[in-house]
Amino acid sequence: AVVSTQSGHYGRGERVVAVFVAGPSWQFKGWPGLTPDGSPVNIFTKMQAFHLKFEEVPLEKNITKWDVSVLTVSKNKRHLDSVSALKFWEHLDKFILKNKRHLRF
C-alpha cells in the first residue's frame, strides 16, 4: 500500500508494514511520529524499515543511526539477488509476527 503524506492523510496507514528508506531524513517530511529534530526513528517501531544498496556503494550516514535492515546486492553478481530477497521476507515476516499479528494471512 502506498501511504499519502499529503496534508496528513494516511488512509490505511495502520496496515503498512514496511518502508524503504533512501537515507535522507527529508524523505519522511510530513509523516506523523517524527521526533522534534525530524528523525523518523519512531516510525521504524511501527514499520519495518529497509535500505537497498549496491555492495560497492558506501552506506548512507543516517542508515547506520536508524533501525534499518540493509539489503545488499551486487552490480556484477545478480544471481545472488535472491539471497537479499529471502532476507527481506524473513525480516518482514518476523516483524509482522511480533508487531502486527492481526495482519498475518
C-alpha atoms as a PDB file:
ATOM      1  CA  ALA A   1       0.000   0.000   0.000  1.00  0.00           C
ATOM      2  CA  VAL A   2       1.177   3.489  -0.723  1.00  0.00           C
ATOM      3  CA  VAL A   3       0.603   5.927   2.096  1.00  0.00           C
ATOM      4  CA  SER A   4      -0.136   9.512   1.112  1.00  0.00           C
ATOM      5  CA  THR A   5       1.689  12.175   3.069  1.00  0.00           C
ATOM      6  CA  GLN A   6      -0.346  14.986   1.538  1.00  0.00           C
ATOM      7  CA  SER A   7      -1.932  17.113   4.284  1.00  0.00           C
ATOM      8  CA  GLY A   8      -1.522  14.358   6.874  1.00  0.00           C
ATOM      9  CA  HIS A   9      -3.915  11.899   5.225  1.00  0.00           C
ATOM     10  CA  TYR A  10      -2.715   8.346   5.780  1.00  0.00           C
ATOM     11  CA  GLY A  11      -5.813   6.328   4.994  1.00  0.00           C
ATOM     12  CA  ARG A  12      -4.920   2.754   5.833  1.00  0.00           C
ATOM     13  CA  GLY A  13      -1.509   3.597   7.243  1.00  0.00           C
ATOM     14  CA  GLU A  14      -2.060   1.234  10.153  1.00  0.00           C
ATOM     15  CA  ARG A  15      -1.895  -1.608   7.624  1.00  0.00           C
ATOM     16  CA  VAL A  16       1.504  -0.554   6.258  1.00  0.00           C
ATOM     17  CA  VAL A  17       4.169  -2.954   7.473  1.00  0.00           C
ATOM     18  CA  ALA A  18       7.331  -1.765   5.708  1.00  0.00           C
ATOM     19  CA  VAL A  19       9.060   1.249   4.263  1.00  0.00           C
ATOM     20  CA  PHE A  20      12.114   1.530   2.022  1.00  0.00           C
ATOM     21  CA  VAL A  21      14.484   4.180   3.290  1.00  0.00           C
ATOM     22  CA  ALA A  22      16.759   6.133   0.959  1.00  0.00           C
ATOM     23  CA  GLY A  23      18.759   7.766   3.756  1.00  0.00           C
ATOM     24  CA  PRO A  24      17.950  11.483   3.967  1.00  0.00           C
ATOM     25  CA  SER A  25      15.559  12.347   6.792  1.00  0.00           C
ATOM     26  CA  TRP A  26      13.608  14.688   4.494  1.00  0.00           C
ATOM     27  CA  GLN A  27      12.148  11.520   2.930  1.00  0.00           C
ATOM     28  CA  PHE A  28       9.787  11.448   5.925  1.00  0.00           C
ATOM     29  CA  LYS A  29       8.784  15.116   5.925  1.00  0.00           C
ATOM     30  CA  GLY A  30       5.120  15.364   6.892  1.00  0.00           C
ATOM     31  CA  TRP A  31       4.902  11.864   8.357  1.00  0.00           C
ATOM     32  CA  PRO A  32       3.349  11.528  11.822  1.00  0.00           C
ATOM     33  CA  GLY A  33       5.592  10.364  14.631  1.00  0.00           C
ATOM     34  CA  LEU A  34       8.774  12.252  13.764  1.00  0.00           C
ATOM     35  CA  THR A  35      10.963  13.281  16.682  1.00  0.00           C
ATOM     36  CA  PRO A  36      11.326  17.041  17.303  1.00  0.00           C
ATOM     37  CA  ASP A  37      14.579  17.054  15.317  1.00  0.00           C
ATOM     38  CA  GLY A  38      12.822  15.453  12.321  1.00  0.00           C
ATOM     39  CA  SER A  39      14.221  11.965  12.824  1.00  0.00           C
ATOM     40  CA  PRO A  40      11.985   9.063  11.715  1.00  0.00           C
ATOM     41  CA  VAL A  41      13.141   6.608  14.411  1.00  0.00           C
ATOM     42  CA  ASN A  42       9.640   6.388  15.922  1.00  0.00           C
ATOM     43  CA  ILE A  43       8.219   5.411  12.523  1.00  0.00           C
ATOM     44  CA  PHE A  44      10.516   2.377  12.493  1.00  0.00           C
ATOM     45  CA  THR A  45       8.775   0.985  15.585  1.00  0.00           C
ATOM     46  CA  LYS A  46       5.529   0.762  13.581  1.00  0.00           C
ATOM     47  CA  MET A  47       7.002  -0.318  10.227  1.00  0.00           C
ATOM     48  CA  GLN A  48       9.957  -2.479   9.279  1.00  0.00           C
ATOM     49  CA  ALA A  49      12.494  -0.247   7.548  1.00  0.00           C
ATOM     50  CA  PHE A  50      14.674  -1.483   4.690  1.00  0.00           C
ATOM     51  CA  HIS A  51      17.510   0.091   2.753  1.00  0.00           C
ATOM     52  CA  LEU A  52      18.554  -1.432  -0.575  1.00  0.00           C
ATOM     53  CA  LYS A  53      22.099  -0.711  -1.706  1.00  0.00           C
ATOM     54  CA  PHE A  54      24.815  -1.951  -4.012  1.00  0.00           C
ATOM     55  CA  GLU A  55      27.686  -3.563  -2.107  1.00  0.00           C
ATOM     56  CA  GLU A  56      30.134  -1.214  -3.830  1.00  0.00           C
ATOM     57  CA  VAL A  57      28.378   1.919  -2.528  1.00  0.00           C
ATOM     58  CA  PRO A  58      29.112   3.236   0.977  1.00  0.00           C
ATOM     59  CA  LEU A  59      26.254   3.141   3.451  1.00  0.00           C
ATOM     60  CA  GLU A  60      24.361   6.428   3.899  1.00  0.00           C
ATOM     61  CA  LYS A  61      25.220   8.007   7.283  1.00  0.00           C
ATOM     62  CA  ASN A  62      21.631   8.089   8.626  1.00  0.00           C
ATOM     63  CA  ILE A  63      21.099   4.410   7.863  1.00  0.00           C
ATOM     64  CA  THR A  64      23.775   3.490  10.402  1.00  0.00           C
ATOM     65  CA  LYS A  65      21.930   5.514  13.090  1.00  0.00           C
ATOM     66  CA  TRP A  66      18.444   4.129  12.419  1.00  0.00           C
ATOM     67  CA  ASP A  67      16.904   0.695  12.973  1.00  0.00           C
ATOM     68  CA  VAL A  68      17.005  -0.277   9.301  1.00  0.00           C
ATOM     69  CA  SER A  69      17.614  -3.684   7.725  1.00  0.00           C
ATOM     70  CA  VAL A  70      20.168  -3.254   4.970  1.00  0.00           C
ATOM     71  CA  LEU A  71      19.686  -5.378   1.855  1.00  0.00           C
ATOM     72  CA  THR A  72      22.808  -5.563  -0.285  1.00  0.00           C
ATOM     73  CA  VAL A  73      23.037  -6.544  -3.926  1.00  0.00           C
ATOM     74  CA  SER A  74      25.983  -6.657  -6.296  1.00  0.00           C
ATOM     75  CA  LYS A  75      26.158  -4.939  -9.661  1.00  0.00           C
ATOM     76  CA  ASN A  76      28.107  -7.885 -11.054  1.00  0.00           C
ATOM     77  CA  LYS A  77      26.695 -10.910  -9.199  1.00  0.00           C
ATOM     78  CA  ARG A  78      22.991 -10.535  -9.918  1.00  0.00           C
ATOM     79  CA  HIS A  79      22.440 -14.259  -9.427  1.00  0.00           C
ATOM     80  CA  LEU A  80      22.811 -13.567  -5.695  1.00  0.00           C
ATOM     81  CA  ASP A  81      19.846 -11.150  -5.589  1.00  0.00           C
ATOM     82  CA  SER A  82      17.662 -13.974  -4.337  1.00  0.00           C
ATOM     83  CA  VAL A  83      19.647 -14.005  -1.072  1.00  0.00           C
ATOM     84  CA  SER A  84      18.614 -10.395  -0.408  1.00  0.00           C
ATOM     85  CA  ALA A  85      15.033 -11.175  -1.432  1.00  0.00           C
ATOM     86  CA  LEU A  86      14.887 -14.018   1.098  1.00  0.00           C
ATOM     87  CA  LYS A  87      16.398 -11.779   3.767  1.00  0.00           C
ATOM     88  CA  PHE A  88      13.687  -9.187   3.029  1.00  0.00           C
ATOM     89  CA  TRP A  89      10.863 -11.688   3.513  1.00  0.00           C
ATOM     90  CA  GLU A  90      12.439 -13.187   6.655  1.00  0.00           C
ATOM     91  CA  HIS A  91      12.784  -9.771   8.321  1.00  0.00           C
ATOM     92  CA  LEU A  92       9.297  -8.710   7.255  1.00  0.00           C
ATOM     93  CA  ASP A  93       7.671 -11.937   8.477  1.00  0.00           C
ATOM     94  CA  LYS A  94       9.399 -11.631  11.865  1.00  0.00           C
ATOM     95  CA  PHE A  95       8.302  -8.013  12.174  1.00  0.00           C
ATOM     96  CA  ILE A  96       4.680  -8.828  11.336  1.00  0.00           C
ATOM     97  CA  LEU A  97       4.610 -11.750  13.790  1.00  0.00           C
ATOM     98  CA  LYS A  98       5.985  -9.553  16.557  1.00  0.00           C
ATOM     99  CA  ASN A  99       4.199  -6.244  15.886  1.00  0.00           C
ATOM    100  CA  LYS A 100       1.180  -6.748  13.625  1.00  0.00           C
ATOM    101  CA  ARG A 101      -0.089 -10.292  14.129  1.00  0.00           C
ATOM    102  CA  HIS A 102      -3.583  -9.256  13.085  1.00  0.00           C
ATOM    103  CA  LEU A 103      -2.279  -8.733   9.525  1.00  0.00           C
ATOM    104  CA  ARG A 104      -0.989 -12.275   9.136  1.00  0.00           C
ATOM    105  CA  PHE A 105      -2.744 -14.317   6.436  1.00  0.00           C
END
